[in-house]
Amino acid sequence: HYFNTKLSSTYRSSSRPVGVKYTQGNWEGELGIDVVSIPKGPDGTIIINIAAILSSDGFFLPGINWQGILG
């Protein structure tokens, strides 16, 4: 499953574009925030910063089932 900003009732875009180029590939998207809860984690919900990848070229390698990056 991929994170879809349009399907999140708590995602808020900052309307700030972001792009990252790597030795192999690149991606572009937007910065935003969302609210998440982690089962068996901290109590309550946490507001997190997100760089939502909206397009990429050569970043997600063939055969690798990545859904995004974390960190």
PDB file of N, CA and C in Angstrom:
ATOM      1  N   HIS A   1       0.838  -1.181   0.000  1.00  0.00           N
ATOM      2  CA  HIS A   1       0.000   0.000   0.000  1.00  0.00           C
ATOM      3  C   HIS A   1       0.882   1.242   0.000  1.00  0.00           C
ATOM      4  N   TYR A   2       0.489   2.194  -0.782  1.00  0.00           N
ATOM      5  CA  TYR A   2       1.223   3.449  -0.858  1.00  0.00           C
ATOM      6  C   TYR A   2       0.462   4.535  -0.119  1.00  0.00           C
ATOM      7  N   PHE A   3       1.195   5.475   0.465  1.00  0.00           N
ATOM      8  CA  PHE A   3       0.567   6.604   1.127  1.00  0.00           C
ATOM      9  C   PHE A   3       0.018   7.533   0.057  1.00  0.00           C
ATOM     10  N   ASN A   4      -1.252   7.814   0.144  1.00  0.00           N
ATOM     11  CA  ASN A   4      -1.906   8.706  -0.810  1.00  0.00           C
ATOM     12  C   ASN A   4      -2.399   9.916  -0.025  1.00  0.00           C
ATOM     13  N   THR A   5      -1.811  11.070  -0.298  1.00  0.00           N
ATOM     14  CA  THR A   5      -2.164  12.276   0.453  1.00  0.00           C
ATOM     15  C   THR A   5      -3.648  12.592   0.358  1.00  0.00           C
ATOM     16  N   LYS A   6      -4.269  12.250  -0.761  1.00  0.00           N
ATOM     17  CA  LYS A   6      -5.695  12.558  -0.953  1.00  0.00           C
ATOM     18  C   LYS A   6      -6.609  11.676  -0.100  1.00  0.00           C
ATOM     19  N   LEU A   7      -6.099  10.522   0.329  1.00  0.00           N
ATOM     20  CA  LEU A   7      -6.914   9.607   1.131  1.00  0.00           C
ATOM     21  C   LEU A   7      -6.747   9.819   2.634  1.00  0.00           C
ATOM     22  N   SER A   8      -5.856  10.716   3.025  1.00  0.00           N
ATOM     23  CA  SER A   8      -5.637  10.991   4.442  1.00  0.00           C
ATOM     24  C   SER A   8      -6.482  12.183   4.866  1.00  0.00           C
ATOM     25  N   SER A   9      -7.310  11.989   5.863  1.00  0.00           N
ATOM     26  CA  SER A   9      -8.158  13.089   6.343  1.00  0.00           C
ATOM     27  C   SER A   9      -7.369  14.085   7.196  1.00  0.00           C
ATOM     28  N   THR A  10      -6.142  13.719   7.592  1.00  0.00           N
ATOM     29  CA  THR A  10      -5.357  14.595   8.460  1.00  0.00           C
ATOM     30  C   THR A  10      -4.122  15.180   7.782  1.00  0.00           C
ATOM     31  N   TYR A  11      -3.832  14.787   6.537  1.00  0.00           N
ATOM     32  CA  TYR A  11      -2.657  15.327   5.836  1.00  0.00           C
ATOM     33  C   TYR A  11      -2.897  16.782   5.470  1.00  0.00           C
ATOM     34  N   ARG A  12      -1.881  17.603   5.701  1.00  0.00           N
ATOM     35  CA  ARG A  12      -1.940  19.019   5.332  1.00  0.00           C
ATOM     36  C   ARG A  12      -0.673  19.380   4.577  1.00  0.00           C
ATOM     37  N   SER A  13      -0.827  19.852   3.351  1.00  0.00           N
ATOM     38  CA  SER A  13       0.309  20.270   2.541  1.00  0.00           C
ATOM     39  C   SER A  13       0.802  21.638   2.987  1.00  0.00           C
ATOM     40  N   SER A  14       2.107  21.832   2.936  1.00  0.00           N
ATOM     41  CA  SER A  14       2.671  23.155   3.203  1.00  0.00           C
ATOM     42  C   SER A  14       2.776  23.950   1.903  1.00  0.00           C
ATOM     43  N   SER A  15       2.442  23.301   0.785  1.00  0.00           N
ATOM     44  CA  SER A  15       2.556  23.891  -0.561  1.00  0.00           C
ATOM     45  C   SER A  15       3.997  24.256  -0.904  1.00  0.00           C
ATOM     46  N   ARG A  16       4.956  23.615  -0.239  1.00  0.00           N
ATOM     47  CA  ARG A  16       6.374  23.836  -0.536  1.00  0.00           C
ATOM     48  C   ARG A  16       6.900  22.651  -1.326  1.00  0.00           C
ATOM     49  N   PRO A  17       7.320  22.897  -2.560  1.00  0.00           N
ATOM     50  CA  PRO A  17       7.872  21.798  -3.353  1.00  0.00           C
ATOM     51  C   PRO A  17       9.237  21.368  -2.821  1.00  0.00           C
ATOM     52  N   VAL A  18       9.573  20.104  -3.047  1.00  0.00           N
ATOM     53  CA  VAL A  18      10.869  19.570  -2.646  1.00  0.00           C
ATOM     54  C   VAL A  18      11.325  18.603  -3.734  1.00  0.00           C
ATOM     55  N   GLY A  19      12.608  18.580  -3.983  1.00  0.00           N
ATOM     56  CA  GLY A  19      13.177  17.656  -4.951  1.00  0.00           C
ATOM     57  C   GLY A  19      14.543  17.203  -4.472  1.00  0.00           C
ATOM     58  N   VAL A  20      14.843  15.925  -4.683  1.00  0.00           N
ATOM     59  CA  VAL A  20      16.121  15.368  -4.250  1.00  0.00           C
ATOM     60  C   VAL A  20      16.723  14.578  -5.402  1.00  0.00           C
ATOM     61  N   LYS A  21      17.994  14.863  -5.704  1.00  0.00           N
ATOM     62  CA  LYS A  21      18.723  14.130  -6.739  1.00  0.00           C
ATOM     63  C   LYS A  21      19.766  13.254  -6.065  1.00  0.00           C
ATOM     64  N   TYR A  22      19.858  12.017  -6.523  1.00  0.00           N
ATOM     65  CA  TYR A  22      20.824  11.061  -6.014  1.00  0.00           C
ATOM     66  C   TYR A  22      21.780  10.690  -7.138  1.00  0.00           C
ATOM     67  N   THR A  23      22.825   9.909  -6.800  1.00  0.00           N
ATOM     68  CA  THR A  23      23.725   9.412  -7.835  1.00  0.00           C
ATOM     69  C   THR A  23      22.926   8.633  -8.870  1.00  0.00           C
ATOM     70  N   GLN A  24      21.966   7.869  -8.394  1.00  0.00           N
ATOM     71  CA  GLN A  24      21.075   7.143  -9.291  1.00  0.00           C
ATOM     72  C   GLN A  24      19.645   7.563  -8.995  1.00  0.00           C
ATOM     73  N   GLY A  25      19.038   8.298  -9.900  1.00  0.00           N
ATOM     74  CA  GLY A  25      17.635   8.657  -9.788  1.00  0.00           C
ATOM     75  C   GLY A  25      17.371   9.926  -9.000  1.00  0.00           C
ATOM     76  N   ASN A  26      16.103  10.277  -8.960  1.00  0.00           N
ATOM     77  CA  ASN A  26      15.664  11.471  -8.247  1.00  0.00           C
ATOM     78  C   ASN A  26      14.177  11.355  -7.960  1.00  0.00           C
ATOM     79  N   TRP A  27      13.713  12.220  -7.088  1.00  0.00           N
ATOM     80  CA  TRP A  27      12.272  12.301  -6.834  1.00  0.00           C
ATOM     81  C   TRP A  27      11.894  13.736  -6.537  1.00  0.00           C
ATOM     82  N   GLU A  28      10.613  14.036  -6.769  1.00  0.00           N
ATOM     83  CA  GLU A  28      10.056  15.354  -6.483  1.00  0.00           C
ATOM     84  C   GLU A  28       8.734  15.180  -5.761  1.00  0.00           C
ATOM     85  N   GLY A  29       8.391  16.160  -4.947  1.00  0.00           N
ATOM     86  CA  GLY A  29       7.138  16.084  -4.213  1.00  0.00           C
ATOM     87  C   GLY A  29       6.853  17.373  -3.484  1.00  0.00           C
ATOM     88  N   GLU A  30       6.160  17.237  -2.352  1.00  0.00           N
ATOM     89  CA  GLU A  30       5.811  18.405  -1.554  1.00  0.00           C
ATOM     90  C   GLU A  30       5.982  18.076  -0.081  1.00  0.00           C
ATOM     91  N   LEU A  31       6.221  19.109   0.704  1.00  0.00           N
ATOM     92  CA  LEU A  31       6.327  18.938   2.145  1.00  0.00           C
ATOM     93  C   LEU A  31       4.952  19.105   2.776  1.00  0.00           C
ATOM     94  N   GLY A  32       4.713  18.369   3.839  1.00  0.00           N
ATOM     95  CA  GLY A  32       3.443  18.470   4.542  1.00  0.00           C
ATOM     96  C   GLY A  32       3.552  17.864   5.928  1.00  0.00           C
ATOM     97  N   ILE A  33       2.430  17.794   6.613  1.00  0.00           N
ATOM     98  CA  ILE A  33       2.361  17.156   7.930  1.00  0.00           C
ATOM     99  C   ILE A  33       1.164  16.210   7.952  1.00  0.00           C
ATOM    100  N   ASP A  34       1.232  15.229   8.820  1.00  0.00           N
ATOM    101  CA  ASP A  34       0.113  14.317   9.005  1.00  0.00           C
ATOM    102  C   ASP A  34       0.107  13.861  10.455  1.00  0.00           C
ATOM    103  N   VAL A  35      -0.978  13.271  10.853  1.00  0.00           N
ATOM    104  CA  VAL A  35      -1.141  12.754  12.207  1.00  0.00           C
ATOM    105  C   VAL A  35      -1.185  11.238  12.110  1.00  0.00           C
ATOM    106  N   VAL A  36      -0.360  10.565  12.906  1.00  0.00           N
ATOM    107  CA  VAL A  36      -0.333   9.104  12.889  1.00  0.00           C
ATOM    108  C   VAL A  36      -0.446   8.562  14.306  1.00  0.00           C
ATOM    109  N   SER A  37      -0.907   7.338  14.397  1.00  0.00           N
ATOM    110  CA  SER A  37      -0.854   6.611  15.662  1.00  0.00           C
ATOM    111  C   SER A  37      -0.121   5.308  15.383  1.00  0.00           C
ATOM    112  N   ILE A  38       0.689   4.878  16.345  1.00  0.00           N
ATOM    113  CA  ILE A  38       1.511   3.692  16.167  1.00  0.00           C
ATOM    114  C   ILE A  38       1.038   2.627  17.145  1.00  0.00           C
ATOM    115  N   PRO A  39       0.500   1.511  16.631  1.00  0.00           N
ATOM    116  CA  PRO A  39       0.081   0.438  17.532  1.00  0.00           C
ATOM    117  C   PRO A  39       1.270  -0.039  18.368  1.00  0.00           C
ATOM    118  N   LYS A  40       1.038  -0.270  19.620  1.00  0.00           N
ATOM    119  CA  LYS A  40       2.072  -0.722  20.554  1.00  0.00           C
ATOM    120  C   LYS A  40       3.214   0.283  20.650  1.00  0.00           C
ATOM    121  N   GLY A  41       2.914   1.548  20.412  1.00  0.00           N
ATOM    122  CA  GLY A  41       3.922   2.598  20.499  1.00  0.00           C
ATOM    123  C   GLY A  41       3.497   3.649  21.497  1.00  0.00           C
ATOM    124  N   PRO A  42       3.943   4.885  21.279  1.00  0.00           N
ATOM    125  CA  PRO A  42       3.561   5.972  22.192  1.00  0.00           C
ATOM    126  C   PRO A  42       2.044   6.130  22.262  1.00  0.00           C
ATOM    127  N   ASP A  43       1.559   6.511  23.421  1.00  0.00           N
ATOM    128  CA  ASP A  43       0.125   6.741  23.574  1.00  0.00           C
ATOM    129  C   ASP A  43      -0.301   7.942  22.742  1.00  0.00           C
ATOM    130  N   GLY A  44      -1.496   7.878  22.200  1.00  0.00           N
ATOM    131  CA  GLY A  44      -2.050   9.007  21.462  1.00  0.00           C
ATOM    132  C   GLY A  44      -1.554   9.079  20.037  1.00  0.00           C
ATOM    133  N   THR A  45      -1.618  10.261  19.489  1.00  0.00           N
ATOM    134  CA  THR A  45      -1.222  10.479  18.106  1.00  0.00           C
ATOM    135  C   THR A  45      -0.001  11.391  18.049  1.00  0.00           C
ATOM    136  N   ILE A  46       0.695  11.307  16.942  1.00  0.00           N
ATOM    137  CA  ILE A  46       1.919  12.073  16.746  1.00  0.00           C
ATOM    138  C   ILE A  46       1.793  12.851  15.447  1.00  0.00           C
ATOM    139  N   ILE A  47       2.181  14.118  15.462  1.00  0.00           N
ATOM    140  CA  ILE A  47       2.233  14.908  14.233  1.00  0.00           C
ATOM    141  C   ILE A  47       3.613  14.703  13.618  1.00  0.00           C
ATOM    142  N   ILE A  48       3.646  14.295  12.344  1.00  0.00           N
ATOM    143  CA  ILE A  48       4.916  14.038  11.671  1.00  0.00           C
ATOM    144  C   ILE A  48       5.060  14.912  10.433  1.00  0.00           C
ATOM    145  N   ASN A  49       6.292  15.230  10.100  1.00  0.00           N
ATOM    146  CA  ASN A  49       6.604  15.924   8.856  1.00  0.00           C
ATOM    147  C   ASN A  49       6.745  14.883   7.753  1.00  0.00           C
ATOM    148  N   ILE A  50       6.235  15.207   6.582  1.00  0.00           N
ATOM    149  CA  ILE A  50       6.262  14.280   5.457  1.00  0.00           C
ATOM    150  C   ILE A  50       6.781  14.994   4.224  1.00  0.00           C
ATOM    151  N   ALA A  51       7.648  14.300   3.492  1.00  0.00           N
ATOM    152  CA  ALA A  51       7.978  14.708   2.133  1.00  0.00           C
ATOM    153  C   ALA A  51       7.250  13.707   1.243  1.00  0.00           C
ATOM    154  N   ALA A  52       6.125  14.108   0.700  1.00  0.00           N
ATOM    155  CA  ALA A  52       5.304  13.217  -0.119  1.00  0.00           C
ATOM    156  C   ALA A  52       5.905  13.143  -1.518  1.00  0.00           C
ATOM    157  N   ILE A  53       6.371  11.957  -1.923  1.00  0.00           N
ATOM    158  CA  ILE A  53       6.941  11.766  -3.253  1.00  0.00           C
ATOM    159  C   ILE A  53       5.794  11.694  -4.251  1.00  0.00           C
ATOM    160  N   LEU A  54       5.766  12.645  -5.176  1.00  0.00           N
ATOM    161  CA  LEU A  54       4.702  12.699  -6.174  1.00  0.00           C
ATOM    162  C   LEU A  54       5.169  12.199  -7.532  1.00  0.00           C
ATOM    163  N   SER A  55       6.478  12.239  -7.789  1.00  0.00           N
ATOM    164  CA  SER A  55       7.028  11.688  -9.028  1.00  0.00           C
ATOM    165  C   SER A  55       8.481  11.299  -8.783  1.00  0.00           C
ATOM    166  N   SER A  56       8.952  10.297  -9.542  1.00  0.00           N
ATOM    167  CA  SER A  56      10.337   9.863  -9.405  1.00  0.00           C
ATOM    168  C   SER A  56      10.832   9.343 -10.743  1.00  0.00           C
ATOM    169  N   ASP A  57      12.159   9.328 -10.895  1.00  0.00           N
ATOM    170  CA  ASP A  57      12.774   8.818 -12.115  1.00  0.00           C
ATOM    171  C   ASP A  57      14.025   8.040 -11.722  1.00  0.00           C
ATOM    172  N   GLY A  58      13.983   6.730 -11.890  1.00  0.00           N
ATOM    173  CA  GLY A  58      15.132   5.894 -11.597  1.00  0.00           C
ATOM    174  C   GLY A  58      15.471   5.774 -10.122  1.00  0.00           C
ATOM    175  N   PHE A  59      14.589   6.213  -9.246  1.00  0.00           N
ATOM    176  CA  PHE A  59      14.855   6.161  -7.808  1.00  0.00           C
ATOM    177  C   PHE A  59      14.450   4.818  -7.215  1.00  0.00           C
ATOM    178  N   PHE A  60      13.267   4.349  -7.535  1.00  0.00           N
ATOM    179  CA  PHE A  60      12.796   3.056  -7.048  1.00  0.00           C
ATOM    180  C   PHE A  60      13.315   1.983  -7.998  1.00  0.00           C
ATOM    181  N   LEU A  61      14.244   1.166  -7.533  1.00  0.00           N
ATOM    182  CA  LEU A  61      14.900   0.183  -8.378  1.00  0.00           C
ATOM    183  C   LEU A  61      13.933  -0.914  -8.807  1.00  0.00           C
ATOM    184  N   PRO A  62      14.100  -1.445 -10.033  1.00  0.00           N
ATOM    185  CA  PRO A  62      13.232  -2.527 -10.511  1.00  0.00           C
ATOM    186  C   PRO A  62      13.308  -3.742  -9.583  1.00  0.00           C
ATOM    187  N   GLY A  63      12.172  -4.324  -9.294  1.00  0.00           N
ATOM    188  CA  GLY A  63      12.115  -5.517  -8.462  1.00  0.00           C
ATOM    189  C   GLY A  63      12.163  -5.254  -6.970  1.00  0.00           C
ATOM    190  N   ILE A  64      12.396  -4.011  -6.573  1.00  0.00           N
ATOM    191  CA  ILE A  64      12.418  -3.654  -5.157  1.00  0.00           C
ATOM    192  C   ILE A  64      11.041  -3.108  -4.806  1.00  0.00           C
ATOM    193  N   ASN A  65      10.418  -3.654  -3.782  1.00  0.00           N
ATOM    194  CA  ASN A  65       9.052  -3.267  -3.438  1.00  0.00           C
ATOM    195  C   ASN A  65       9.038  -2.120  -2.427  1.00  0.00           C
ATOM    196  N   TRP A  66       9.826  -1.087  -2.691  1.00  0.00           N
ATOM    197  CA  TRP A  66       9.822   0.083  -1.814  1.00  0.00           C
ATOM    198  C   TRP A  66       8.536   0.851  -1.979  1.00  0.00           C
ATOM    199  N   GLN A  67       8.068   1.432  -0.906  1.00  0.00           N
ATOM    200  CA  GLN A  67       6.905   2.307  -0.964  1.00  0.00           C
ATOM    201  C   GLN A  67       7.291   3.744  -0.666  1.00  0.00           C
ATOM    202  N   GLY A  68       8.503   3.965  -0.263  1.00  0.00           N
ATOM    203  CA  GLY A  68       8.976   5.299   0.075  1.00  0.00           C
ATOM    204  C   GLY A  68      10.258   5.192   0.868  1.00  0.00           C
ATOM    205  N   ILE A  69      10.634   6.288   1.491  1.00  0.00           N
ATOM    206  CA  ILE A  69      11.833   6.307   2.317  1.00  0.00           C
ATOM    207  C   ILE A  69      11.475   6.872   3.682  1.00  0.00           C
ATOM    208  N   LEU A  70      12.226   6.489   4.672  1.00  0.00           N
ATOM    209  CA  LEU A  70      11.973   6.950   6.032  1.00  0.00           C
ATOM    210  C   LEU A  70      13.287   7.437   6.620  1.00  0.00           C
ATOM    211  N   GLY A  71      13.222   8.559   7.280  1.00  0.00           N
ATOM    212  CA  GLY A  71      14.431   9.028   7.941  1.00  0.00           C
ATOM    213  C   GLY A  71      14.869  10.385   7.471  1.00  0.00           C
TER     214      GLY A  71
END
